[in-house]
Amino acid sequence: MLKCSALGLGTAVAAPYIVPASARGADGAVAPSERLVMAGIGIGGQGRHDMINFMTHKDVQFVAVCDVDAQRLEVARKIVNEGYGNTDCAVYRDFREVLARNDIDAVLIATPDHWHALLAIAAAEAGKDVYCEKPISVTIAEGRAVADAVERYGIVYQSGTQRRCIPAFAYPVEVARSGRLGRIHTVHTCLGAGPSCGIEPPQPIPEGFDYDLWLGPAPAEPYTPRRCHGSFRWIFDYSGGKLTDIGAHFNDLAQWGIDTEMTGPVEYDGHATFPEEGLWDTPMYYSVVCRYASGIRLVMHDVEPRSVRFEGEHGWISVDDSGLVLADPPSLLEGASFKQEQYDVMYGHQRNFLDCVRTRARPIANAEVAHRSSTVCHAANLCLRLGRKLFWDPVQERFLNDDEANRMRSRAMRAPWHL
């Protein structure tokens, strides 16, 4: 079965704010001098969750946290200090101070999406290995720049597409790749519908929140709470809606299952309904049909449950976001080595990253793989925004005969930020 190294199927994910004794040097934990030294950049909701789970690994030592929100920064500092039973955790507002530290081996990046590429490239230039939340970028050009920087500086990069290391999600991929479905003709990814909100009036910037640094390379805009923390993904300046949020997971599994991890579709066609007014502007309802050079179709839907389904001439197999695997014929489930609905969220994916940091091997969600799967999501969004069929050359990474679409592969950055 496809799996990550040291994947513990029965490993429990730590509850928020609770760090096991192993992080404090008890229960046979690795000596501090032998641990991989890490820092977290963007340590709010998902970043805090990632950090707590990293701290369950005995060979990890968090020494610093960085965030533009003072309140979130203080919460993260307390978690680290309580976890290790000391007061050693350093706090930073500016990521550049973290990357300047010579004692840090790797960084966790869990900022809003519009910061992912710049931070990953800066970390690579500083010689730090990177575990970065998905998607790898907010544009196709940024993703290529990250993948190239990872190769240039020889760092280890893992994208946070953790479903790759969850047995229930890896099993349908294994079946699809094994030939048991026969020739695969269609893959469906169900990503859910996007939200909308009304017009949001500007509000005072909260004390302790560096809003200008939060915006970073994005255009200057008035502050409103629904622009930031958690809601950023519904605004194109910072993310790509459902297509890059959930799509980064399930389109990634689709690419893996049909062995197109290093390429992508050659044609995109679809339609969408966008919010008519208000702050959020990513697609609400949509359908995108992508075609690969082999003739395989990838169809993205706005329905629930979130899932991926591989369809071939001999049957189909699917997994939804609860970890439930279904198949027809049922014999496709024979020999499965996981329990239905078993959902080990983080441990194996982080373990794969940590093992690769030590061995310098390529992790299961490396930068090139992450760039290619994110490109599928970005190209689908461009198709919907432009309202026309797009033709893509996955070798040259350019749209065919469409200057406007090609310009949209990248975007301007607010000074002084640039790739």
Protein backbone atom coordinates (compact mmCIF):
# COMPACT_ATOMS: atom_id res chain seq x y z
CA MET A 1 0.00 0.00 0.00
CA LEU A 2 1.17 3.56 -0.73
CA LYS A 3 2.26 5.03 2.55
CA CYS A 4 4.51 7.51 4.27
CA SER A 5 7.49 6.47 6.33
CA ALA A 6 6.79 5.75 10.00
CA LEU A 7 3.05 6.19 9.53
CA GLY A 8 1.40 5.38 12.85
CA LEU A 9 -2.16 4.32 12.10
CA GLY A 10 -3.20 4.44 15.71
CA THR A 11 -1.48 7.71 16.57
CA ALA A 12 -3.84 10.21 18.14
CA VAL A 13 -3.69 13.86 17.19
CA ALA A 14 -3.04 16.13 20.14
CA ALA A 15 -5.97 18.24 21.24
CA PRO A 16 -5.43 22.01 21.14
CA TYR A 17 -3.26 23.35 23.97
CA ILE A 18 -2.39 19.83 25.19
CA VAL A 19 1.16 18.69 24.52
CA PRO A 20 2.30 15.22 25.59
CA ALA A 21 5.08 14.43 27.97
CA SER A 22 7.36 13.49 25.07
CA ALA A 23 7.61 17.18 24.16
CA ARG A 24 8.85 17.91 27.67
CA GLY A 25 11.69 15.44 27.51
CA ALA A 26 9.89 12.66 29.38
CA ASP A 27 8.92 9.14 28.31
CA GLY A 28 12.17 8.39 26.53
CA ALA A 29 12.14 11.52 24.41
CA VAL A 30 15.10 12.36 22.20
CA ALA A 31 17.71 14.50 23.93
CA PRO A 32 17.37 18.20 23.07
CA SER A 33 20.80 18.20 21.43
CA GLU A 34 19.57 15.58 18.94
CA ARG A 35 16.30 17.26 18.04
CA LEU A 36 15.45 19.14 14.86
CA VAL A 37 15.08 22.78 15.82
CA MET A 38 11.96 24.41 14.39
CA ALA A 39 10.13 27.73 14.35
CA GLY A 40 6.56 28.55 13.34
CA ILE A 41 5.67 31.47 11.05
CA GLY A 42 1.96 32.24 10.98
CA ILE A 43 0.86 30.51 14.12
CA GLY A 44 -2.87 31.16 14.34
CA GLY A 45 -5.59 28.56 13.71
CA GLN A 46 -4.06 26.01 11.34
CA GLY A 47 -0.52 27.00 12.24
CA ARG A 48 -1.19 26.40 15.93
CA HIS A 49 -2.70 23.01 15.12
CA ASP A 50 0.31 22.09 12.99
CA MET A 51 2.74 23.23 15.66
CA ILE A 52 1.05 21.22 18.41
CA ASN A 53 1.18 18.12 16.25
CA PHE A 54 4.84 18.68 15.39
CA MET A 55 5.54 18.86 19.11
CA THR A 56 4.25 15.28 19.53
CA HIS A 57 7.32 14.11 17.60
CA LYS A 58 10.09 13.34 20.06
CA ASP A 59 12.84 14.56 17.74
CA VAL A 60 11.44 18.09 17.31
CA GLN A 61 12.15 21.18 19.43
CA PHE A 62 10.22 24.39 18.77
CA VAL A 63 12.25 27.41 19.85
CA ALA A 64 10.46 30.36 18.23
CA VAL A 65 7.09 31.53 16.97
CA CYS A 66 6.30 34.42 14.65
CA ASP A 67 3.00 36.14 13.88
CA VAL A 68 1.70 39.60 13.02
CA ASP A 69 -1.08 39.21 15.60
CA ALA A 70 0.20 39.78 19.15
CA GLN A 71 -2.66 37.85 20.70
CA ARG A 72 -2.06 34.75 18.61
CA LEU A 73 1.65 35.09 19.19
CA GLU A 74 1.24 35.03 22.94
CA VAL A 75 -1.03 31.97 22.81
CA ALA A 76 1.54 30.11 20.73
CA ARG A 77 4.40 31.14 23.03
CA LYS A 78 2.54 29.77 26.06
CA ILE A 79 1.83 26.47 24.30
CA VAL A 80 5.50 25.96 23.46
CA ASN A 81 6.78 26.93 26.89
CA GLU A 82 4.23 24.80 28.71
CA GLY A 83 4.92 21.91 26.38
CA TYR A 84 8.63 21.92 27.11
CA GLY A 85 8.39 23.08 30.69
CA ASN A 86 10.55 26.17 30.24
CA THR A 87 10.38 29.82 29.19
CA ASP A 88 12.72 29.59 26.22
CA CYS A 89 10.35 30.23 23.31
CA ALA A 90 11.29 33.41 21.45
CA VAL A 91 8.61 35.55 19.79
CA TYR A 92 8.92 37.61 16.61
CA ARG A 93 6.69 39.90 14.60
CA ASP A 94 8.95 39.91 11.51
CA PHE A 95 9.76 36.59 9.81
CA ARG A 96 13.14 37.88 8.66
CA GLU A 97 14.40 37.81 12.23
CA VAL A 98 13.45 34.14 12.48
CA LEU A 99 15.19 33.23 9.24
CA ALA A 100 18.35 35.04 10.39
CA ARG A 101 18.81 32.58 13.28
CA ASN A 102 21.51 30.03 12.53
CA ASP A 103 20.24 27.53 15.08
CA ILE A 104 16.91 26.88 13.33
CA ASP A 105 16.83 23.86 11.01
CA ALA A 106 13.29 24.08 9.63
CA VAL A 107 10.27 26.34 9.62
CA LEU A 108 6.55 25.71 9.66
CA ILE A 109 4.76 28.23 7.42
CA ALA A 110 1.02 28.56 7.99
CA THR A 111 0.30 32.15 7.01
CA PRO A 112 -2.50 33.18 4.64
CA ASP A 113 -1.87 31.85 1.14
CA HIS A 114 -0.58 35.11 -0.40
CA TRP A 115 2.50 34.87 1.82
CA HIS A 116 3.35 31.20 1.15
CA ALA A 117 5.64 31.65 -1.84
CA LEU A 118 7.62 34.63 -0.58
CA LEU A 119 8.20 33.01 2.80
CA ALA A 120 9.18 29.63 1.36
CA ILE A 121 11.67 31.22 -1.03
CA ALA A 122 13.16 33.37 1.75
CA ALA A 123 13.48 30.28 3.95
CA ALA A 124 15.16 28.36 1.13
CA GLU A 125 17.63 31.20 0.62
CA ALA A 126 18.36 31.06 4.37
CA GLY A 127 18.99 27.31 4.17
CA LYS A 128 15.92 26.32 6.19
CA ASP A 129 13.82 23.27 5.35
CA VAL A 130 10.14 24.09 4.94
CA TYR A 131 6.82 22.55 5.91
CA CYS A 132 4.29 24.90 4.32
CA GLU A 133 0.53 24.77 4.42
CA LYS A 134 -1.22 24.34 1.09
CA PRO A 135 -1.50 25.71 -1.53
CA ILE A 136 2.13 26.33 -2.43
CA SER A 137 1.22 29.71 -3.96
CA VAL A 138 -1.57 32.05 -5.08
CA THR A 139 -0.38 32.10 -8.71
CA ILE A 140 1.13 29.67 -11.18
CA ALA A 141 4.28 31.78 -11.50
CA GLU A 142 4.81 31.85 -7.74
CA GLY A 143 4.52 28.07 -7.54
CA ARG A 144 7.17 27.64 -10.23
CA ALA A 145 9.43 30.08 -8.38
CA VAL A 146 9.10 28.08 -5.15
CA ALA A 147 9.80 24.74 -6.84
CA ASP A 148 12.85 26.22 -8.58
CA ALA A 149 14.15 27.75 -5.33
CA VAL A 150 13.80 24.43 -3.51
CA GLU A 151 15.95 22.76 -6.16
CA ARG A 152 18.44 25.61 -6.31
CA TYR A 153 19.12 25.70 -2.58
CA GLY A 154 18.73 21.98 -1.91
CA ILE A 155 16.22 22.28 0.90
CA VAL A 156 13.48 19.83 1.86
CA TYR A 157 9.96 21.13 1.19
CA GLN A 158 6.73 19.46 2.23
CA SER A 159 3.30 20.85 1.28
CA GLY A 160 0.55 20.44 3.89
CA THR A 161 -1.56 18.11 1.74
CA GLN A 162 -1.66 15.62 4.59
CA ARG A 163 -4.30 13.35 3.06
CA ARG A 164 -1.46 11.75 1.13
CA CYS A 165 -0.34 10.19 4.39
CA ILE A 166 -3.75 9.10 5.65
CA PRO A 167 -4.34 5.40 4.80
CA ALA A 168 -8.00 5.83 3.85
CA PHE A 169 -7.07 8.45 1.24
CA ALA A 170 -3.96 6.67 -0.02
CA TYR A 171 -5.80 3.40 -0.63
CA PRO A 172 -8.05 4.59 -3.52
CA VAL A 173 -4.98 6.15 -5.10
CA GLU A 174 -3.20 2.81 -4.84
CA VAL A 175 -6.14 1.02 -6.46
CA ALA A 176 -6.28 3.58 -9.26
CA ARG A 177 -2.56 3.24 -9.94
CA SER A 178 -2.61 -0.56 -9.76
CA GLY A 179 -4.72 -1.09 -12.87
CA ARG A 180 -7.55 -2.83 -10.99
CA LEU A 181 -10.02 -0.28 -12.36
CA GLY A 182 -8.85 -0.90 -15.89
CA ARG A 183 -8.42 2.17 -18.03
CA ILE A 184 -9.43 5.18 -15.96
CA HIS A 185 -11.57 7.59 -17.95
CA THR A 186 -12.88 10.09 -15.34
CA VAL A 187 -11.91 11.45 -11.95
CA HIS A 188 -14.42 13.50 -9.95
CA THR A 189 -13.40 15.88 -7.17
CA CYS A 190 -16.17 17.34 -5.01
CA LEU A 191 -14.97 20.49 -3.26
CA GLY A 192 -18.10 22.16 -1.91
CA ALA A 193 -19.69 25.51 -2.69
CA GLY A 194 -18.07 28.78 -1.74
CA PRO A 195 -19.58 31.38 0.61
CA SER A 196 -20.46 35.03 0.13
CA CYS A 197 -20.80 38.00 2.45
CA GLY A 198 -22.17 41.51 2.23
CA ILE A 199 -20.34 44.79 2.04
CA GLU A 200 -18.05 45.17 5.04
CA PRO A 201 -17.35 48.72 6.28
CA PRO A 202 -13.80 49.57 7.33
CA GLN A 203 -13.01 49.21 11.00
CA PRO A 204 -10.13 50.30 13.25
CA ILE A 205 -7.15 47.96 13.16
CA PRO A 206 -7.01 46.00 16.44
CA GLU A 207 -4.22 46.84 18.83
CA GLY A 208 -1.30 44.48 18.45
CA PHE A 209 -2.17 43.50 14.86
CA ASP A 210 0.36 44.54 12.19
CA TYR A 211 -2.15 44.79 9.38
CA ASP A 212 0.31 46.28 6.89
CA LEU A 213 2.62 43.29 7.30
CA TRP A 214 -0.38 40.93 7.12
CA LEU A 215 -1.22 42.44 3.72
CA GLY A 216 2.41 42.21 2.65
CA PRO A 217 2.55 41.83 -1.15
CA ALA A 218 -1.24 42.18 -1.56
CA PRO A 219 -2.90 45.50 -2.50
CA ALA A 220 -3.52 48.04 0.25
CA GLU A 221 -7.13 47.79 1.45
CA PRO A 222 -9.06 49.08 4.49
CA TYR A 223 -9.11 46.72 7.45
CA THR A 224 -12.20 44.69 8.24
CA PRO A 225 -12.20 41.47 10.30
CA ARG A 226 -13.79 39.38 7.54
CA ARG A 227 -10.83 40.15 5.28
CA CYS A 228 -8.37 38.42 7.59
CA HIS A 229 -8.08 35.40 9.91
CA GLY A 230 -9.92 32.44 8.43
CA SER A 231 -11.88 34.46 5.87
CA PHE A 232 -8.96 35.44 3.65
CA ARG A 233 -9.42 32.35 1.47
CA TRP A 234 -12.63 33.78 -0.04
CA ILE A 235 -10.79 36.78 -1.52
CA PHE A 236 -8.72 36.45 -4.69
CA ASP A 237 -6.06 38.87 -3.45
CA TYR A 238 -5.09 36.32 -0.80
CA SER A 239 -6.31 32.91 -1.98
CA GLY A 240 -8.54 31.12 -4.51
CA GLY A 241 -11.67 29.99 -2.70
CA LYS A 242 -12.76 26.38 -2.61
CA LEU A 243 -10.70 25.50 -5.68
CA THR A 244 -7.40 26.17 -3.90
CA ASP A 245 -8.60 25.38 -0.38
CA ILE A 246 -10.18 21.92 -0.72
CA GLY A 247 -9.04 21.57 -4.33
CA ALA A 248 -5.42 21.61 -3.17
CA HIS A 249 -6.17 18.33 -1.38
CA PHE A 250 -8.48 16.42 -3.70
CA ASN A 251 -7.07 17.56 -7.04
CA ASP A 252 -3.69 16.55 -5.64
CA LEU A 253 -5.03 13.05 -4.92
CA ALA A 254 -6.50 12.96 -8.42
CA GLN A 255 -3.15 13.83 -10.00
CA TRP A 256 -1.43 11.19 -7.87
CA GLY A 257 -3.96 8.49 -8.73
CA ILE A 258 -3.67 8.90 -12.50
CA ASP A 259 0.12 9.35 -12.43
CA THR A 260 0.15 12.96 -13.64
CA GLU A 261 2.01 14.45 -10.67
CA MET A 262 4.62 16.06 -12.93
CA THR A 263 2.24 17.40 -15.56
CA GLY A 264 -1.42 18.44 -15.73
CA PRO A 265 -4.50 18.83 -17.89
CA VAL A 266 -4.23 20.40 -21.33
CA GLU A 267 -7.75 21.84 -21.45
CA TYR A 268 -10.05 23.59 -18.95
CA ASP A 269 -13.71 24.40 -19.52
CA GLY A 270 -16.29 25.48 -16.95
CA HIS A 271 -18.71 27.99 -15.56
CA ALA A 272 -19.25 29.65 -12.19
CA THR A 273 -21.49 31.95 -10.20
CA PHE A 274 -19.60 34.65 -8.32
CA PRO A 275 -20.85 36.89 -5.50
CA GLU A 276 -22.61 39.88 -7.01
CA GLU A 277 -21.45 42.26 -4.28
CA GLY A 278 -19.63 42.27 -0.99
CA LEU A 279 -16.13 41.59 0.23
CA TRP A 280 -15.66 38.00 -0.90
CA ASP A 281 -15.17 37.38 -4.61
CA THR A 282 -14.16 33.74 -5.20
CA PRO A 283 -16.56 31.29 -6.94
CA MET A 284 -19.69 30.21 -5.08
CA TYR A 285 -21.10 27.62 -7.50
CA TYR A 286 -19.01 26.13 -10.27
CA SER A 287 -18.20 23.18 -12.47
CA VAL A 288 -14.89 22.66 -14.26
CA VAL A 289 -14.09 19.89 -16.73
CA CYS A 290 -10.39 19.33 -17.37
CA ARG A 291 -8.97 17.05 -20.04
CA TYR A 292 -5.53 15.43 -20.01
CA ALA A 293 -3.56 14.58 -23.14
CA SER A 294 -4.36 10.92 -22.44
CA GLY A 295 -8.08 11.67 -22.71
CA ILE A 296 -8.77 11.28 -18.97
CA ARG A 297 -11.22 13.85 -17.62
CA LEU A 298 -10.96 15.54 -14.23
CA VAL A 299 -14.30 17.07 -13.21
CA MET A 300 -14.48 19.52 -10.29
CA HIS A 301 -17.86 19.93 -8.57
CA ASP A 302 -19.25 22.39 -6.01
CA VAL A 303 -21.10 19.69 -4.05
CA GLU A 304 -20.64 17.80 -0.78
CA PRO A 305 -19.33 15.56 0.62
CA ARG A 306 -15.82 16.62 -0.25
CA SER A 307 -14.32 13.65 -2.03
CA VAL A 308 -12.39 12.14 -4.93
CA ARG A 309 -13.72 9.32 -7.12
CA PHE A 310 -11.77 7.36 -9.73
CA GLU A 311 -13.86 5.77 -12.49
CA GLY A 312 -12.50 3.12 -14.83
CA GLU A 313 -13.74 0.52 -17.28
CA HIS A 314 -13.89 -2.14 -14.51
CA GLY A 315 -15.44 -0.08 -11.69
CA TRP A 316 -14.93 2.87 -9.40
CA ILE A 317 -13.51 3.74 -5.98
CA SER A 318 -13.96 6.87 -3.88
CA VAL A 319 -13.06 8.38 -0.54
CA ASP A 320 -14.81 11.31 1.14
CA ASP A 321 -13.46 13.70 3.70
CA SER A 322 -14.62 11.58 6.61
CA GLY A 323 -12.23 8.87 5.40
CA LEU A 324 -15.07 6.64 4.18
CA VAL A 325 -13.97 4.50 1.21
CA LEU A 326 -16.58 3.06 -1.16
CA ALA A 327 -16.12 0.95 -4.27
CA ASP A 328 -17.93 -0.95 -6.98
CA PRO A 329 -17.32 -3.83 -7.25
CA PRO A 330 -16.84 -4.31 -3.48
CA SER A 331 -13.97 -6.68 -4.21
CA LEU A 332 -11.84 -3.57 -4.77
CA LEU A 333 -11.79 -3.19 -0.99
CA GLU A 334 -10.38 -6.67 -0.43
CA GLY A 335 -6.90 -6.52 1.04
CA ALA A 336 -7.33 -2.99 2.38
CA SER A 337 -5.10 -2.52 5.42
CA PHE A 338 -6.98 0.37 7.02
CA LYS A 339 -10.15 0.62 9.04
CA GLN A 340 -13.07 2.40 7.43
CA GLU A 341 -13.29 6.06 8.40
CA GLN A 342 -9.88 5.95 10.07
CA TYR A 343 -8.62 9.51 9.87
CA ASP A 344 -5.08 10.07 11.15
CA VAL A 345 -4.78 13.76 10.42
CA MET A 346 -1.19 14.93 10.73
CA TYR A 347 1.24 12.50 12.28
CA GLY A 348 2.36 10.55 9.22
CA HIS A 349 2.70 13.56 6.94
CA GLN A 350 4.84 15.43 9.44
CA ARG A 351 6.84 12.26 10.12
CA ASN A 352 7.57 11.94 6.42
CA PHE A 353 8.86 15.53 6.38
CA LEU A 354 11.04 15.05 9.46
CA ASP A 355 12.51 11.81 8.14
CA CYS A 356 13.34 13.53 4.85
CA VAL A 357 14.97 16.42 6.67
CA ARG A 358 17.34 13.89 8.22
CA THR A 359 17.94 11.80 5.07
CA ARG A 360 17.64 14.65 2.50
CA ALA A 361 15.19 12.55 0.49
CA ARG A 362 12.27 14.10 -1.40
CA PRO A 363 9.08 14.08 0.71
CA ILE A 364 5.78 12.74 -0.55
CA ALA A 365 4.34 16.23 -1.17
CA ASN A 366 7.49 17.90 -2.44
CA ALA A 367 7.54 21.31 -4.09
CA GLU A 368 7.28 20.12 -7.70
CA VAL A 369 4.32 17.87 -6.90
CA ALA A 370 2.67 20.68 -4.92
CA HIS A 371 3.23 23.18 -7.72
CA ARG A 372 1.71 20.89 -10.34
CA SER A 373 -1.40 20.09 -8.30
CA SER A 374 -1.86 23.76 -7.34
CA THR A 375 -1.49 24.73 -11.00
CA VAL A 376 -4.56 22.61 -11.75
CA CYS A 377 -6.50 24.65 -9.18
CA HIS A 378 -5.17 28.02 -10.37
CA ALA A 379 -5.82 27.26 -14.04
CA ALA A 380 -9.38 26.19 -13.20
CA ASN A 381 -9.93 29.48 -11.37
CA LEU A 382 -8.60 31.44 -14.33
CA CYS A 383 -10.94 29.56 -16.64
CA LEU A 384 -13.88 30.54 -14.43
CA ARG A 385 -12.80 34.15 -14.02
CA LEU A 386 -12.25 34.63 -17.76
CA GLY A 387 -15.39 32.73 -18.66
CA ARG A 388 -13.88 30.77 -21.52
CA LYS A 389 -12.14 27.52 -22.37
CA LEU A 390 -8.39 27.55 -21.79
CA PHE A 391 -5.73 25.39 -23.40
CA TRP A 392 -2.62 24.67 -21.33
CA ASP A 393 0.86 23.48 -22.24
CA PRO A 394 2.13 21.67 -19.12
CA VAL A 395 5.69 21.51 -20.47
CA GLN A 396 6.10 25.22 -21.18
CA GLU A 397 3.59 26.08 -18.43
CA ARG A 398 1.79 28.54 -20.68
CA PHE A 399 -1.71 28.94 -22.04
CA LEU A 400 -1.98 28.55 -25.78
CA ASN A 401 -2.94 31.61 -27.83
CA ASP A 402 -4.28 33.54 -24.84
CA ASP A 403 -2.20 36.53 -23.79
CA GLU A 404 -4.67 37.63 -21.12
CA ALA A 405 -4.63 34.24 -19.40
CA ASN A 406 -0.85 34.15 -19.56
CA ARG A 407 -0.61 37.54 -17.88
CA MET A 408 -2.79 36.19 -15.10
CA ARG A 409 -0.26 33.42 -14.33
CA SER A 410 1.40 36.04 -12.12
CA ARG A 411 0.36 39.22 -10.36
CA ALA A 412 1.97 42.45 -9.24
CA MET A 413 3.21 42.69 -5.67
CA ARG A 414 2.99 45.73 -3.44
CA ALA A 415 6.39 47.29 -2.78
CA PRO A 416 8.80 46.43 -1.34
CA TRP A 417 7.81 42.77 -1.79
CA HIS A 418 8.82 40.85 -4.91
CA LEU A 419 9.81 37.35 -5.97
